Structures are given as structure tokens and as C-alpha cells.
Amino acid sequence: MSHPSIQEIGEEIVEEFSWFSSWEEKYEHLIEMGRQLPIIDAAYKTNERLVRGCQSKVWLHAESEDHRVVFRADSDAIITKGIVALLVRALSHQTPEDIVRSDLGFIDTIGLKAHLSPTRSNGLVSMIHQMKQYAGNQLNH
């Protein structure tokens, strides 16, 4: 079975967020996504896997499976965990090329950056950067 593209997943996410009229409801949806994030192995909760530039702790683990990148993540903050869950959903099981080239336009479409505090917004950018960096490293091997 082929995995949907980043673009297709982004469209699904935009549609889901359009169901909610208020940002309180959208935050609830984000928190729920975080709750559904598969538990990361405790062995991956190391300082090396912490995303730099995030105010709360975000652990990001990536590995290669069948020429695709699989991300696992966790955070000690519920909103941040929802944000990383959104990114894992969009970028996990994608090829390194697609991850590096992705624009993740759906993030702006749903208005996420505009509704995050500056520190969370910086954290979001840091998470994306780290995920793309990992994918880029895979390309170079």
C-alpha cells in the first residue's frame, strides 16, 4: 500500500481543522493528536534527541525503513506534543527527498503559526528544521 504524499496529508489536515470554528476547538484537536502519538521508547528520550530551540522538551527520533524516514516523537507539554504529532503525521513514512523539498503549506493554511506564542512558533520551526536536517543526512549517505 502506498503512503499518501505530504501534500495529501496536508490537505487532510486542512480539512480536519476546517471542521472547528474556534481556536479553542482547534487546540483541543491538536491535544488529541498528541494523545494519539505512539509512545516513544524511553531509550530515545536522550539529550541528543532533544529539539534545540524548543521551550518545552521535544524528543525526536528518526530512522530509515525501506528508503523512507520514520519519525517518533514526544514532548512534556501537551500543545507542543500535538504540534510534533502533526509534523510526524505529515512527514513520517516519506522519502528523504520529499521531506527535504516539502513546504508544509498546510501549517499556514490552518493558521497554526499565527495562533502560537512566539516561543512555540520558534519551536515549530526548530522541529521542522530538525526533521528536514535528518532527511537531508539520509540523502547524503
C-alpha atoms as a PDB file:
ATOM      1  CA  MET A   1       0.000   0.000   0.000  1.00  0.00           C
ATOM      2  CA  SER A   2       1.417   3.372  -0.916  1.00  0.00           C
ATOM      3  CA  HIS A   3       1.554   6.025   1.753  1.00  0.00           C
ATOM      4  CA  PRO A   4      -0.258   9.304   0.995  1.00  0.00           C
ATOM      5  CA  SER A   5       2.026  12.170  -0.025  1.00  0.00           C
ATOM      6  CA  ILE A   6       2.895  15.060   2.277  1.00  0.00           C
ATOM      7  CA  GLN A   7       0.622  17.219   0.095  1.00  0.00           C
ATOM      8  CA  GLU A   8      -2.303  14.782   0.501  1.00  0.00           C
ATOM      9  CA  ILE A   9      -1.813  14.533   4.261  1.00  0.00           C
ATOM     10  CA  GLY A  10      -1.618  18.339   4.437  1.00  0.00           C
ATOM     11  CA  GLU A  11      -4.953  18.558   2.611  1.00  0.00           C
ATOM     12  CA  GLU A  12      -6.497  16.070   5.085  1.00  0.00           C
ATOM     13  CA  ILE A  13      -5.228  18.165   7.996  1.00  0.00           C
ATOM     14  CA  VAL A  14      -6.594  21.402   6.469  1.00  0.00           C
ATOM     15  CA  GLU A  15      -9.974  19.729   6.024  1.00  0.00           C
ATOM     16  CA  GLU A  16      -9.982  18.428   9.615  1.00  0.00           C
ATOM     17  CA  PHE A  17      -9.131  21.840  11.035  1.00  0.00           C
ATOM     18  CA  SER A  18     -11.889  23.436   8.931  1.00  0.00           C
ATOM     19  CA  TRP A  19     -14.439  21.432  10.968  1.00  0.00           C
ATOM     20  CA  PHE A  20     -13.680  23.588  14.010  1.00  0.00           C
ATOM     21  CA  SER A  21     -14.859  27.170  14.241  1.00  0.00           C
ATOM     22  CA  SER A  22     -12.787  28.375  17.200  1.00  0.00           C
ATOM     23  CA  TRP A  23      -9.118  28.098  18.085  1.00  0.00           C
ATOM     24  CA  GLU A  24     -10.081  26.540  21.417  1.00  0.00           C
ATOM     25  CA  GLU A  25     -11.570  23.629  19.441  1.00  0.00           C
ATOM     26  CA  LYS A  26      -8.526  23.508  17.158  1.00  0.00           C
ATOM     27  CA  TYR A  27      -6.212  23.369  20.186  1.00  0.00           C
ATOM     28  CA  GLU A  28      -8.344  20.512  21.564  1.00  0.00           C
ATOM     29  CA  HIS A  29      -7.875  18.696  18.251  1.00  0.00           C
ATOM     30  CA  LEU A  30      -4.107  19.275  18.433  1.00  0.00           C
ATOM     31  CA  ILE A  31      -4.016  17.967  22.014  1.00  0.00           C
ATOM     32  CA  GLU A  32      -5.972  14.892  20.908  1.00  0.00           C
ATOM     33  CA  MET A  33      -3.463  14.296  18.094  1.00  0.00           C
ATOM     34  CA  GLY A  34      -0.713  14.466  20.697  1.00  0.00           C
ATOM     35  CA  ARG A  35      -2.527  11.918  22.852  1.00  0.00           C
ATOM     36  CA  GLN A  36      -2.700   9.544  19.899  1.00  0.00           C
ATOM     37  CA  LEU A  37       1.016   9.831  19.145  1.00  0.00           C
ATOM     38  CA  PRO A  38       2.572   6.398  19.664  1.00  0.00           C
ATOM     39  CA  ILE A  39       4.624   6.253  22.859  1.00  0.00           C
ATOM     40  CA  ILE A  40       8.297   6.791  22.138  1.00  0.00           C
ATOM     41  CA  ASP A  41      10.731   4.253  23.561  1.00  0.00           C
ATOM     42  CA  ALA A  42      12.288   5.636  26.752  1.00  0.00           C
ATOM     43  CA  ALA A  43      15.701   4.835  25.256  1.00  0.00           C
ATOM     44  CA  TYR A  44      15.091   7.602  22.691  1.00  0.00           C
ATOM     45  CA  LYS A  45      14.441  10.270  25.335  1.00  0.00           C
ATOM     46  CA  THR A  46      18.036  11.421  25.353  1.00  0.00           C
ATOM     47  CA  ASN A  47      19.645  14.853  25.226  1.00  0.00           C
ATOM     48  CA  GLU A  48      20.938  14.097  21.713  1.00  0.00           C
ATOM     49  CA  ARG A  49      17.359  13.771  20.512  1.00  0.00           C
ATOM     50  CA  LEU A  50      16.050  16.952  22.129  1.00  0.00           C
ATOM     51  CA  VAL A  51      14.985  19.556  19.594  1.00  0.00           C
ATOM     52  CA  ARG A  52      17.048  22.697  20.142  1.00  0.00           C
ATOM     53  CA  GLY A  53      15.091  25.939  20.174  1.00  0.00           C
ATOM     54  CA  CYS A  54      12.013  24.491  21.842  1.00  0.00           C
ATOM     55  CA  GLN A  55      10.976  25.964  25.164  1.00  0.00           C
ATOM     56  CA  SER A  56       9.421  22.674  26.261  1.00  0.00           C
ATOM     57  CA  LYS A  57      11.192  19.366  25.848  1.00  0.00           C
ATOM     58  CA  VAL A  58      10.642  17.692  22.490  1.00  0.00           C
ATOM     59  CA  TRP A  59      12.360  14.427  21.693  1.00  0.00           C
ATOM     60  CA  LEU A  60      12.611  13.496  18.045  1.00  0.00           C
ATOM     61  CA  HIS A  61      13.878  10.142  16.857  1.00  0.00           C
ATOM     62  CA  ALA A  62      14.202   9.220  13.196  1.00  0.00           C
ATOM     63  CA  GLU A  63      15.181   6.044  11.442  1.00  0.00           C
ATOM     64  CA  SER A  64      15.182   4.776   7.921  1.00  0.00           C
ATOM     65  CA  GLU A  65      12.797   1.988   6.890  1.00  0.00           C
ATOM     66  CA  ASP A  66      12.567   0.871   3.257  1.00  0.00           C
ATOM     67  CA  HIS A  67      14.159   4.109   1.998  1.00  0.00           C
ATOM     68  CA  ARG A  68      11.628   6.159   3.926  1.00  0.00           C
ATOM     69  CA  VAL A  69      12.093   8.148   7.117  1.00  0.00           C
ATOM     70  CA  VAL A  70      10.068   7.132  10.159  1.00  0.00           C
ATOM     71  CA  PHE A  71       9.810   9.692  12.939  1.00  0.00           C
ATOM     72  CA  ARG A  72       8.910   9.081  16.551  1.00  0.00           C
ATOM     73  CA  ALA A  73       8.470  11.946  18.975  1.00  0.00           C
ATOM     74  CA  ASP A  74       7.263  13.064  22.359  1.00  0.00           C
ATOM     75  CA  SER A  75       7.011  16.254  24.385  1.00  0.00           C
ATOM     76  CA  ASP A  76       6.451  17.130  28.019  1.00  0.00           C
ATOM     77  CA  ALA A  77       3.938  19.852  27.007  1.00  0.00           C
ATOM     78  CA  ILE A  78       0.510  18.916  25.647  1.00  0.00           C
ATOM     79  CA  ILE A  79       0.181  21.579  22.925  1.00  0.00           C
ATOM     80  CA  THR A  80       3.765  21.001  21.790  1.00  0.00           C
ATOM     81  CA  LYS A  81       3.131  17.262  21.684  1.00  0.00           C
ATOM     82  CA  GLY A  82       0.157  17.975  19.422  1.00  0.00           C
ATOM     83  CA  ILE A  83       2.311  20.103  17.127  1.00  0.00           C
ATOM     84  CA  VAL A  84       5.004  17.440  16.832  1.00  0.00           C
ATOM     85  CA  ALA A  85       2.260  14.807  16.269  1.00  0.00           C
ATOM     86  CA  LEU A  86       1.017  16.911  13.330  1.00  0.00           C
ATOM     87  CA  LEU A  87       4.539  17.004  11.841  1.00  0.00           C
ATOM     88  CA  VAL A  88       5.123  13.286  12.420  1.00  0.00           C
ATOM     89  CA  ARG A  89       1.820  12.561  10.686  1.00  0.00           C
ATOM     90  CA  ALA A  90       2.818  14.658   7.656  1.00  0.00           C
ATOM     91  CA  LEU A  91       6.485  13.671   7.352  1.00  0.00           C
ATOM     92  CA  SER A  92       6.815  10.141   8.691  1.00  0.00           C
ATOM     93  CA  HIS A  93       6.964   7.314   6.112  1.00  0.00           C
ATOM     94  CA  GLN A  94       8.015   9.765   3.391  1.00  0.00           C
ATOM     95  CA  THR A  95      11.161   9.657   1.285  1.00  0.00           C
ATOM     96  CA  PRO A  96      14.073  11.856   2.372  1.00  0.00           C
ATOM     97  CA  GLU A  97      13.765  13.793  -0.932  1.00  0.00           C
ATOM     98  CA  ASP A  98      10.097  14.586  -0.340  1.00  0.00           C
ATOM     99  CA  ILE A  99      10.735  15.667   3.255  1.00  0.00           C
ATOM    100  CA  VAL A 100      13.589  17.996   2.275  1.00  0.00           C
ATOM    101  CA  ARG A 101      11.514  19.523  -0.559  1.00  0.00           C
ATOM    102  CA  SER A 102       8.243  19.815   1.376  1.00  0.00           C
ATOM    103  CA  ASP A 103       6.888  23.299   2.029  1.00  0.00           C
ATOM    104  CA  LEU A 104       4.338  22.243   4.681  1.00  0.00           C
ATOM    105  CA  GLY A 105       1.996  24.965   3.438  1.00  0.00           C
ATOM    106  CA  PHE A 106      -0.856  23.393   5.375  1.00  0.00           C
ATOM    107  CA  ILE A 107       0.628  24.858   8.590  1.00  0.00           C
ATOM    108  CA  ASP A 108      -0.029  28.387   7.305  1.00  0.00           C
ATOM    109  CA  THR A 109      -3.359  27.378   5.768  1.00  0.00           C
ATOM    110  CA  ILE A 110      -4.719  26.218   9.136  1.00  0.00           C
ATOM    111  CA  GLY A 111      -3.291  29.379  10.743  1.00  0.00           C
ATOM    112  CA  LEU A 112      -1.201  27.493  13.271  1.00  0.00           C
ATOM    113  CA  LYS A 113       1.815  29.815  13.362  1.00  0.00           C
ATOM    114  CA  ALA A 114      -0.427  32.848  13.792  1.00  0.00           C
ATOM    115  CA  HIS A 115      -2.081  31.266  16.844  1.00  0.00           C
ATOM    116  CA  LEU A 116       1.079  30.127  18.615  1.00  0.00           C
ATOM    117  CA  SER A 117       3.101  32.156  21.071  1.00  0.00           C
ATOM    118  CA  PRO A 118       6.444  33.307  19.607  1.00  0.00           C
ATOM    119  CA  THR A 119       8.326  30.673  21.606  1.00  0.00           C
ATOM    120  CA  ARG A 120       6.037  27.862  20.374  1.00  0.00           C
ATOM    121  CA  SER A 121       6.247  29.210  16.838  1.00  0.00           C
ATOM    122  CA  ASN A 122      10.058  29.129  17.063  1.00  0.00           C
ATOM    123  CA  GLY A 123       9.788  25.594  18.429  1.00  0.00           C
ATOM    124  CA  LEU A 124       7.655  24.586  15.440  1.00  0.00           C
ATOM    125  CA  VAL A 125      10.290  25.978  13.066  1.00  0.00           C
ATOM    126  CA  SER A 126      13.016  24.131  15.023  1.00  0.00           C
ATOM    127  CA  MET A 127      11.106  20.820  14.803  1.00  0.00           C
ATOM    128  CA  ILE A 128      10.654  21.190  11.034  1.00  0.00           C
ATOM    129  CA  HIS A 129      14.322  22.126  10.650  1.00  0.00           C
ATOM    130  CA  GLN A 130      15.473  19.087  12.623  1.00  0.00           C
ATOM    131  CA  MET A 131      13.203  16.729  10.652  1.00  0.00           C
ATOM    132  CA  LYS A 132      14.423  18.123   7.326  1.00  0.00           C
ATOM    133  CA  GLN A 133      18.026  18.004   8.527  1.00  0.00           C
ATOM    134  CA  TYR A 134      17.675  14.329   9.381  1.00  0.00           C
ATOM    135  CA  ALA A 135      16.139  13.608   5.978  1.00  0.00           C
ATOM    136  CA  GLY A 136      18.952  15.563   4.302  1.00  0.00           C
ATOM    137  CA  ASN A 137      21.533  13.490   6.172  1.00  0.00           C
ATOM    138  CA  GLN A 138      19.831  10.341   4.861  1.00  0.00           C
ATOM    139  CA  LEU A 139      20.209  11.637   1.300  1.00  0.00           C
ATOM    140  CA  ASN A 140      23.939  12.092   1.780  1.00  0.00           C
ATOM    141  CA  HIS A 141      24.550   8.502   2.892  1.00  0.00           C
END
